[in-house]
Amino acid sequence: MSLEITSRTHRSRTERGFTLVELAIVIVIIGVLASFGVPRFRDAVERSKAGESINYLSAIRSSQETYASREGTYASDLSLLDITIPPLKYFTVGTVSPGLTGDLEDSWSLTLTRVGASAGYGPYTVTFTEQGYDPLDSTIDGLPQINPIGGIGAST
């Protein structure tokens, strides 16, 4: 009978669950894994938001080319373009300005600025010209982890 009581006591101690140390180790492991995953997830989310600017500016560029072939000059205002684009959610749109030549007959430039950028990036800009993506005037070019075009001198 004494043997039976000892056996029950021993079994109940092992069936109680996890110790505090075991739970702490699991929490530490989850924390370490999250520290690697969260920044990559944040970059992926911001890259998709930056993609909005590239899509918008690509559509503007195409419409500017159509306008220039019809009018002989690039449009000085986006409202002159025959294009319907939904409003941007994550960027503010600058004004169309003459590009490198200083004349809208030959060139144009348009910059979008990120509003409410997530922590770690701050506000950045994406600029397009009649040539396409302008890495020299785009501050996103210095952020290759979120630049959908690639960054550091990438061009279209």
N, C-alpha and C. Protein backbone atom coordinates (compact mmCIF):
# COMPACT_ATOMS: atom_id res chain seq x y z
N MET A 1 0.81 -1.18 0.00
CA MET A 1 0.00 0.00 0.00
C MET A 1 0.87 1.26 0.00
N SER A 2 1.94 1.23 0.66
CA SER A 2 2.87 2.35 0.70
C SER A 2 3.44 2.64 -0.68
N LEU A 3 3.68 1.62 -1.44
CA LEU A 3 4.21 1.76 -2.79
C LEU A 3 3.19 2.46 -3.70
N GLU A 4 1.94 2.17 -3.51
CA GLU A 4 0.88 2.76 -4.32
C GLU A 4 0.74 4.25 -4.06
N ILE A 5 0.85 4.71 -2.85
CA ILE A 5 0.74 6.13 -2.49
C ILE A 5 1.91 6.91 -3.08
N THR A 6 3.09 6.37 -3.00
CA THR A 6 4.27 7.03 -3.55
C THR A 6 4.13 7.20 -5.06
N SER A 7 3.61 6.21 -5.71
CA SER A 7 3.44 6.25 -7.15
C SER A 7 2.44 7.34 -7.56
N ARG A 8 1.37 7.49 -6.84
CA ARG A 8 0.36 8.52 -7.14
C ARG A 8 0.92 9.92 -6.91
N THR A 9 1.67 10.11 -5.87
CA THR A 9 2.26 11.41 -5.56
C THR A 9 3.24 11.81 -6.66
N HIS A 10 4.05 10.87 -7.07
CA HIS A 10 5.03 11.14 -8.12
C HIS A 10 4.34 11.48 -9.44
N ARG A 11 3.29 10.79 -9.78
CA ARG A 11 2.57 11.02 -11.02
C ARG A 11 1.89 12.39 -11.01
N SER A 12 1.31 12.80 -9.92
CA SER A 12 0.61 14.08 -9.86
C SER A 12 1.58 15.25 -10.01
N ARG A 13 2.81 15.11 -9.56
CA ARG A 13 3.80 16.17 -9.73
C ARG A 13 4.18 16.34 -11.20
N THR A 14 4.26 15.27 -11.94
CA THR A 14 4.66 15.36 -13.35
C THR A 14 3.52 15.77 -14.26
N GLU A 15 2.31 15.69 -13.82
CA GLU A 15 1.16 16.04 -14.66
C GLU A 15 0.63 17.44 -14.39
N ARG A 16 1.32 18.21 -13.64
CA ARG A 16 0.84 19.55 -13.28
C ARG A 16 0.93 20.54 -14.44
N GLY A 17 1.84 20.39 -15.36
CA GLY A 17 1.99 21.32 -16.48
C GLY A 17 3.41 21.83 -16.58
N PHE A 18 3.54 22.98 -17.22
CA PHE A 18 4.86 23.55 -17.45
C PHE A 18 5.34 24.34 -16.24
N THR A 19 6.63 24.35 -16.04
CA THR A 19 7.19 25.16 -14.96
C THR A 19 7.34 26.59 -15.46
N LEU A 20 7.56 27.49 -14.55
CA LEU A 20 7.74 28.89 -14.89
C LEU A 20 8.98 29.08 -15.77
N VAL A 21 10.01 28.33 -15.52
CA VAL A 21 11.23 28.42 -16.32
C VAL A 21 10.96 27.98 -17.76
N GLU A 22 10.22 26.90 -17.93
CA GLU A 22 9.89 26.42 -19.27
C GLU A 22 9.06 27.45 -20.04
N LEU A 23 8.10 28.06 -19.37
CA LEU A 23 7.29 29.09 -20.02
C LEU A 23 8.13 30.31 -20.38
N ALA A 24 9.05 30.69 -19.50
CA ALA A 24 9.93 31.82 -19.78
C ALA A 24 10.81 31.54 -21.00
N ILE A 25 11.31 30.33 -21.12
CA ILE A 25 12.14 29.98 -22.27
C ILE A 25 11.34 30.06 -23.56
N VAL A 26 10.10 29.58 -23.54
CA VAL A 26 9.24 29.64 -24.72
C VAL A 26 8.98 31.09 -25.10
N ILE A 27 8.72 31.94 -24.13
CA ILE A 27 8.47 33.36 -24.41
C ILE A 27 9.70 34.02 -25.00
N VAL A 28 10.87 33.70 -24.49
CA VAL A 28 12.12 34.26 -25.03
C VAL A 28 12.31 33.81 -26.48
N ILE A 29 12.06 32.55 -26.75
CA ILE A 29 12.22 32.03 -28.12
C ILE A 29 11.25 32.73 -29.07
N ILE A 30 10.01 32.90 -28.65
CA ILE A 30 9.03 33.61 -29.48
C ILE A 30 9.46 35.05 -29.71
N GLY A 31 10.00 35.69 -28.68
CA GLY A 31 10.49 37.06 -28.82
C GLY A 31 11.63 37.18 -29.81
N VAL A 32 12.55 36.24 -29.77
CA VAL A 32 13.68 36.25 -30.71
C VAL A 32 13.18 36.05 -32.13
N LEU A 33 12.28 35.11 -32.34
CA LEU A 33 11.73 34.88 -33.68
C LEU A 33 10.97 36.11 -34.18
N ALA A 34 10.22 36.75 -33.30
CA ALA A 34 9.47 37.95 -33.69
C ALA A 34 10.41 39.09 -34.04
N SER A 35 11.55 39.19 -33.35
CA SER A 35 12.48 40.28 -33.63
C SER A 35 13.05 40.18 -35.04
N PHE A 36 13.09 38.99 -35.61
CA PHE A 36 13.54 38.84 -36.99
C PHE A 36 12.39 39.02 -37.97
N GLY A 37 11.21 38.60 -37.62
CA GLY A 37 10.07 38.63 -38.53
C GLY A 37 9.39 39.97 -38.65
N VAL A 38 9.28 40.70 -37.56
CA VAL A 38 8.53 41.96 -37.56
C VAL A 38 9.16 43.00 -38.49
N PRO A 39 10.48 43.22 -38.46
CA PRO A 39 11.05 44.21 -39.40
C PRO A 39 10.83 43.84 -40.87
N ARG A 40 10.93 42.57 -41.18
CA ARG A 40 10.69 42.15 -42.57
C ARG A 40 9.23 42.36 -42.95
N PHE A 41 8.33 42.09 -42.04
CA PHE A 41 6.92 42.31 -42.30
C PHE A 41 6.65 43.80 -42.49
N ARG A 42 7.25 44.63 -41.61
CA ARG A 42 7.09 46.08 -41.72
C ARG A 42 7.61 46.59 -43.06
N ASP A 43 8.77 46.07 -43.50
CA ASP A 43 9.31 46.46 -44.80
C ASP A 43 8.38 46.06 -45.94
N ALA A 44 7.82 44.87 -45.86
CA ALA A 44 6.91 44.39 -46.92
C ALA A 44 5.66 45.25 -46.99
N VAL A 45 5.13 45.64 -45.84
CA VAL A 45 3.94 46.49 -45.82
C VAL A 45 4.26 47.86 -46.42
N GLU A 46 5.40 48.43 -46.02
CA GLU A 46 5.78 49.75 -46.54
C GLU A 46 6.10 49.67 -48.04
N ARG A 47 6.70 48.59 -48.49
CA ARG A 47 6.99 48.42 -49.92
C ARG A 47 5.69 48.40 -50.72
N SER A 48 4.66 47.76 -50.19
CA SER A 48 3.39 47.73 -50.92
C SER A 48 2.76 49.12 -50.96
N LYS A 49 2.93 49.89 -49.89
CA LYS A 49 2.42 51.27 -49.88
C LYS A 49 3.21 52.13 -50.87
N ALA A 50 4.52 51.92 -50.94
CA ALA A 50 5.34 52.66 -51.90
C ALA A 50 4.97 52.30 -53.33
N GLY A 51 4.52 51.08 -53.53
CA GLY A 51 4.08 50.65 -54.86
C GLY A 51 2.92 51.49 -55.38
N GLU A 52 2.12 52.01 -54.46
CA GLU A 52 1.01 52.89 -54.85
C GLU A 52 1.55 54.10 -55.62
N SER A 53 2.66 54.66 -55.16
CA SER A 53 3.23 55.84 -55.82
C SER A 53 3.76 55.50 -57.21
N ILE A 54 4.39 54.34 -57.34
CA ILE A 54 4.94 53.94 -58.64
C ILE A 54 3.81 53.72 -59.65
N ASN A 55 2.75 53.06 -59.23
CA ASN A 55 1.60 52.84 -60.12
C ASN A 55 0.97 54.16 -60.55
N TYR A 56 0.81 55.06 -59.59
CA TYR A 56 0.20 56.37 -59.87
C TYR A 56 1.06 57.15 -60.86
N LEU A 57 2.35 57.24 -60.57
CA LEU A 57 3.24 58.02 -61.43
C LEU A 57 3.41 57.39 -62.81
N SER A 58 3.36 56.09 -62.90
CA SER A 58 3.43 55.42 -64.20
C SER A 58 2.21 55.78 -65.05
N ALA A 59 1.05 55.83 -64.42
CA ALA A 59 -0.17 56.21 -65.14
C ALA A 59 -0.10 57.67 -65.58
N ILE A 60 0.43 58.54 -64.71
CA ILE A 60 0.59 59.96 -65.06
C ILE A 60 1.56 60.09 -66.23
N ARG A 61 2.65 59.37 -66.18
CA ARG A 61 3.65 59.44 -67.26
C ARG A 61 3.02 59.05 -68.60
N SER A 62 2.28 57.98 -68.61
CA SER A 62 1.63 57.53 -69.84
C SER A 62 0.65 58.58 -70.36
N SER A 63 -0.12 59.15 -69.45
CA SER A 63 -1.09 60.16 -69.83
C SER A 63 -0.39 61.44 -70.30
N GLN A 64 0.73 61.79 -69.68
CA GLN A 64 1.51 62.96 -70.11
C GLN A 64 2.01 62.77 -71.54
N GLU A 65 2.45 61.56 -71.88
CA GLU A 65 2.93 61.30 -73.24
C GLU A 65 1.80 61.46 -74.25
N THR A 66 0.62 60.98 -73.90
CA THR A 66 -0.54 61.13 -74.77
C THR A 66 -0.88 62.60 -74.95
N TYR A 67 -0.87 63.34 -73.85
CA TYR A 67 -1.17 64.78 -73.89
C TYR A 67 -0.14 65.51 -74.75
N ALA A 68 1.14 65.20 -74.57
CA ALA A 68 2.20 65.88 -75.31
C ALA A 68 2.11 65.59 -76.81
N SER A 69 1.75 64.39 -77.17
CA SER A 69 1.62 64.08 -78.60
C SER A 69 0.45 64.82 -79.23
N ARG A 70 -0.55 65.13 -78.44
CA ARG A 70 -1.73 65.84 -78.93
C ARG A 70 -1.54 67.36 -78.89
N GLU A 71 -0.90 67.88 -77.82
CA GLU A 71 -0.82 69.32 -77.59
C GLU A 71 0.55 69.93 -77.92
N GLY A 72 1.57 69.11 -78.06
CA GLY A 72 2.91 69.64 -78.35
C GLY A 72 3.68 70.07 -77.12
N THR A 73 3.11 69.88 -75.96
CA THR A 73 3.77 70.22 -74.69
C THR A 73 3.19 69.32 -73.61
N TYR A 74 3.93 69.19 -72.53
CA TYR A 74 3.41 68.41 -71.41
C TYR A 74 2.42 69.25 -70.61
N ALA A 75 1.49 68.61 -69.95
CA ALA A 75 0.48 69.31 -69.15
C ALA A 75 1.12 69.94 -67.92
N SER A 76 0.71 71.16 -67.64
CA SER A 76 1.23 71.86 -66.46
C SER A 76 0.42 71.55 -65.22
N ASP A 77 -0.73 70.92 -65.41
CA ASP A 77 -1.60 70.58 -64.30
C ASP A 77 -2.22 69.20 -64.57
N LEU A 78 -2.32 68.39 -63.55
CA LEU A 78 -2.85 67.04 -63.72
C LEU A 78 -4.31 67.02 -64.16
N SER A 79 -5.04 68.09 -63.86
CA SER A 79 -6.45 68.14 -64.25
C SER A 79 -6.61 68.24 -65.77
N LEU A 80 -5.55 68.63 -66.49
CA LEU A 80 -5.61 68.72 -67.95
C LEU A 80 -5.49 67.35 -68.61
N LEU A 81 -5.03 66.38 -67.86
CA LEU A 81 -4.82 65.04 -68.42
C LEU A 81 -6.14 64.28 -68.50
N ASP A 82 -6.27 63.50 -69.54
CA ASP A 82 -7.47 62.68 -69.73
C ASP A 82 -7.26 61.35 -69.01
N ILE A 83 -7.37 61.42 -67.69
CA ILE A 83 -7.09 60.23 -66.88
C ILE A 83 -7.91 60.31 -65.59
N THR A 84 -8.39 59.16 -65.17
CA THR A 84 -9.10 59.08 -63.90
C THR A 84 -8.34 58.11 -63.00
N ILE A 85 -7.78 58.66 -61.96
CA ILE A 85 -7.01 57.85 -61.01
C ILE A 85 -7.61 58.06 -59.63
N PRO A 86 -7.83 56.99 -58.89
CA PRO A 86 -8.35 57.18 -57.53
C PRO A 86 -7.36 57.98 -56.69
N PRO A 87 -7.86 58.73 -55.72
CA PRO A 87 -6.96 59.52 -54.88
C PRO A 87 -5.98 58.61 -54.13
N LEU A 88 -4.80 59.16 -53.90
CA LEU A 88 -3.77 58.41 -53.19
C LEU A 88 -4.08 58.35 -51.70
N LYS A 89 -3.81 57.22 -51.11
CA LYS A 89 -4.08 57.02 -49.69
C LYS A 89 -2.87 57.36 -48.82
N TYR A 90 -1.68 57.11 -49.33
CA TYR A 90 -0.47 57.24 -48.51
C TYR A 90 0.48 58.33 -48.97
N PHE A 91 0.13 59.08 -50.01
CA PHE A 91 1.03 60.09 -50.57
C PHE A 91 0.28 61.37 -50.87
N THR A 92 1.00 62.49 -50.79
CA THR A 92 0.48 63.76 -51.28
C THR A 92 1.12 64.02 -52.63
N VAL A 93 0.36 64.63 -53.51
CA VAL A 93 0.82 64.88 -54.87
C VAL A 93 1.33 66.31 -54.96
N GLY A 94 2.53 66.46 -55.48
CA GLY A 94 3.09 67.79 -55.71
C GLY A 94 2.51 68.37 -56.99
N THR A 95 3.11 69.44 -57.46
CA THR A 95 2.66 70.05 -58.71
C THR A 95 3.61 69.65 -59.84
N VAL A 96 3.06 69.63 -61.04
CA VAL A 96 3.88 69.33 -62.21
C VAL A 96 4.79 70.53 -62.45
N SER A 97 6.07 70.25 -62.62
CA SER A 97 7.02 71.33 -62.89
C SER A 97 7.86 70.95 -64.10
N PRO A 98 8.46 71.96 -64.75
CA PRO A 98 9.35 71.65 -65.86
C PRO A 98 10.51 70.79 -65.36
N GLY A 99 10.97 69.89 -66.20
CA GLY A 99 12.07 69.00 -65.82
C GLY A 99 13.43 69.64 -66.02
N LEU A 100 14.39 68.86 -66.45
CA LEU A 100 15.78 69.31 -66.59
C LEU A 100 15.95 70.45 -67.58
N THR A 101 15.15 70.46 -68.63
CA THR A 101 15.31 71.51 -69.65
C THR A 101 14.72 72.83 -69.20
N GLY A 102 13.88 72.81 -68.17
CA GLY A 102 13.25 74.03 -67.69
C GLY A 102 12.04 74.44 -68.50
N ASP A 103 11.60 73.60 -69.42
CA ASP A 103 10.47 73.92 -70.28
C ASP A 103 9.54 72.70 -70.38
N LEU A 104 8.26 72.93 -70.19
CA LEU A 104 7.29 71.84 -70.27
C LEU A 104 7.14 71.27 -71.68
N GLU A 105 7.68 71.96 -72.68
CA GLU A 105 7.64 71.40 -74.03
C GLU A 105 8.52 70.17 -74.14
N ASP A 106 9.58 70.12 -73.34
CA ASP A 106 10.55 69.02 -73.44
C ASP A 106 10.56 68.07 -72.26
N SER A 107 10.18 68.57 -71.09
CA SER A 107 10.35 67.74 -69.89
C SER A 107 9.37 68.15 -68.81
N TRP A 108 9.17 67.24 -67.88
CA TRP A 108 8.32 67.51 -66.72
C TRP A 108 8.81 66.69 -65.54
N SER A 109 8.36 67.07 -64.36
CA SER A 109 8.72 66.35 -63.14
C SER A 109 7.55 66.43 -62.17
N LEU A 110 7.31 65.33 -61.47
CA LEU A 110 6.24 65.30 -60.47
C LEU A 110 6.71 64.45 -59.30
N THR A 111 6.56 65.01 -58.10
CA THR A 111 7.01 64.32 -56.89
C THR A 111 5.83 64.02 -55.98
N LEU A 112 5.82 62.80 -55.46
CA LEU A 112 4.86 62.40 -54.44
C LEU A 112 5.61 62.29 -53.12
N THR A 113 4.98 62.73 -52.04
CA THR A 113 5.59 62.66 -50.71
C THR A 113 4.77 61.75 -49.82
N ARG A 114 5.44 60.83 -49.17
CA ARG A 114 4.78 59.87 -48.27
C ARG A 114 4.31 60.62 -47.04
N VAL A 115 3.04 60.44 -46.69
CA VAL A 115 2.49 61.03 -45.48
C VAL A 115 2.28 59.93 -44.45
N GLY A 116 2.52 60.24 -43.21
CA GLY A 116 2.32 59.27 -42.15
C GLY A 116 3.18 58.04 -42.29
N ALA A 117 4.42 58.22 -42.72
CA ALA A 117 5.31 57.07 -42.91
C ALA A 117 5.51 56.33 -41.60
N SER A 118 5.65 55.03 -41.72
CA SER A 118 5.82 54.22 -40.52
C SER A 118 7.18 54.47 -39.89
N ALA A 119 7.31 54.10 -38.64
CA ALA A 119 8.52 54.36 -37.86
C ALA A 119 9.75 53.79 -38.56
N GLY A 120 10.80 54.57 -38.55
CA GLY A 120 12.05 54.12 -39.12
C GLY A 120 12.31 54.65 -40.52
N TYR A 121 11.30 55.14 -41.21
CA TYR A 121 11.50 55.62 -42.57
C TYR A 121 11.34 57.13 -42.68
N GLY A 122 10.40 57.69 -41.95
CA GLY A 122 10.13 59.11 -42.08
C GLY A 122 9.50 59.40 -43.44
N PRO A 123 9.20 60.67 -43.71
CA PRO A 123 8.62 60.99 -45.00
C PRO A 123 9.67 60.84 -46.11
N TYR A 124 9.30 60.19 -47.18
CA TYR A 124 10.20 60.04 -48.32
C TYR A 124 9.46 60.45 -49.58
N THR A 125 10.20 60.70 -50.64
CA THR A 125 9.60 61.15 -51.89
C THR A 125 9.87 60.17 -53.02
N VAL A 126 8.97 60.19 -53.99
CA VAL A 126 9.13 59.41 -55.22
C VAL A 126 8.88 60.39 -56.37
N THR A 127 9.85 60.53 -57.27
CA THR A 127 9.76 61.48 -58.36
C THR A 127 9.82 60.76 -59.70
N PHE A 128 8.95 61.20 -60.61
CA PHE A 128 8.97 60.72 -61.99
C PHE A 128 9.18 61.92 -62.90
N THR A 129 9.80 61.67 -64.03
CA THR A 129 9.94 62.65 -65.09
C THR A 129 9.42 62.02 -66.38
N GLU A 130 9.60 62.72 -67.49
CA GLU A 130 9.21 62.14 -68.77
C GLU A 130 10.01 60.88 -69.09
N GLN A 131 11.15 60.71 -68.42
CA GLN A 131 11.99 59.52 -68.61
C GLN A 131 11.54 58.34 -67.74
N GLY A 132 10.73 58.61 -66.73
CA GLY A 132 10.31 57.58 -65.78
C GLY A 132 10.80 57.90 -64.39
N TYR A 133 11.09 56.87 -63.63
CA TYR A 133 11.54 57.02 -62.24
C TYR A 133 12.84 57.82 -62.20
N ASP A 134 12.88 58.82 -61.30
CA ASP A 134 14.06 59.68 -61.16
C ASP A 134 14.74 59.39 -59.82
N PRO A 135 15.78 58.56 -59.82
CA PRO A 135 16.42 58.20 -58.55
C PRO A 135 17.16 59.36 -57.89
N LEU A 136 17.59 60.35 -58.68
CA LEU A 136 18.34 61.47 -58.11
C LEU A 136 17.47 62.37 -57.24
N ASP A 137 16.21 62.52 -57.61
CA ASP A 137 15.30 63.38 -56.85
C ASP A 137 14.35 62.61 -55.95
N SER A 138 14.48 61.31 -55.89
CA SER A 138 13.61 60.48 -55.05
C SER A 138 14.37 60.04 -53.80
N THR A 139 13.89 60.46 -52.64
CA THR A 139 14.57 60.05 -51.41
C THR A 139 14.33 58.58 -51.08
N ILE A 140 13.32 57.97 -51.69
CA ILE A 140 13.10 56.54 -51.48
C ILE A 140 14.25 55.71 -52.07
N ASP A 141 15.02 56.31 -52.96
CA ASP A 141 16.13 55.59 -53.57
C ASP A 141 17.16 55.15 -52.53
N GLY A 142 17.24 55.88 -51.42
CA GLY A 142 18.14 55.50 -50.34
C GLY A 142 17.57 54.46 -49.40
N LEU A 143 16.36 53.98 -49.70
CA LEU A 143 15.69 52.97 -48.87
C LEU A 143 15.39 51.73 -49.71
N PRO A 144 16.42 51.00 -50.14
CA PRO A 144 16.18 49.88 -51.05
C PRO A 144 15.30 48.78 -50.47
N GLN A 145 15.22 48.67 -49.14
CA GLN A 145 14.39 47.62 -48.55
C GLN A 145 12.91 47.87 -48.75
N ILE A 146 12.51 49.11 -49.07
CA ILE A 146 11.09 49.39 -49.32
C ILE A 146 10.83 49.92 -50.72
N ASN A 147 11.87 50.18 -51.49
CA ASN A 147 11.71 50.72 -52.83
C ASN A 147 11.30 49.61 -53.80
N PRO A 148 10.08 49.68 -54.36
CA PRO A 148 9.64 48.62 -55.26
C PRO A 148 10.46 48.56 -56.56
N ILE A 149 11.16 49.64 -56.88
CA ILE A 149 11.97 49.67 -58.10
C ILE A 149 13.38 49.16 -57.82
N GLY A 150 13.80 49.18 -56.59
CA GLY A 150 15.12 48.63 -56.25
C GLY A 150 15.98 49.56 -55.44
N GLY A 151 16.03 50.82 -55.76
CA GLY A 151 16.82 51.76 -54.99
C GLY A 151 18.27 51.85 -55.43
N ILE A 152 18.94 52.85 -54.90
CA ILE A 152 20.35 53.15 -55.15
C ILE A 152 20.63 53.19 -56.66
N GLY A 153 20.02 54.17 -57.31
CA GLY A 153 20.30 54.41 -58.72
C GLY A 153 19.51 53.58 -59.71
N ALA A 154 18.48 52.89 -59.25
CA ALA A 154 17.67 52.09 -60.18
C ALA A 154 16.94 53.01 -61.14
N SER A 155 16.70 52.54 -62.33
CA SER A 155 15.96 53.36 -63.30
C SER A 155 15.02 52.47 -64.10
N THR A 156 13.99 53.12 -64.68
CA THR A 156 13.02 52.37 -65.49
C THR A 156 13.32 52.54 -66.95
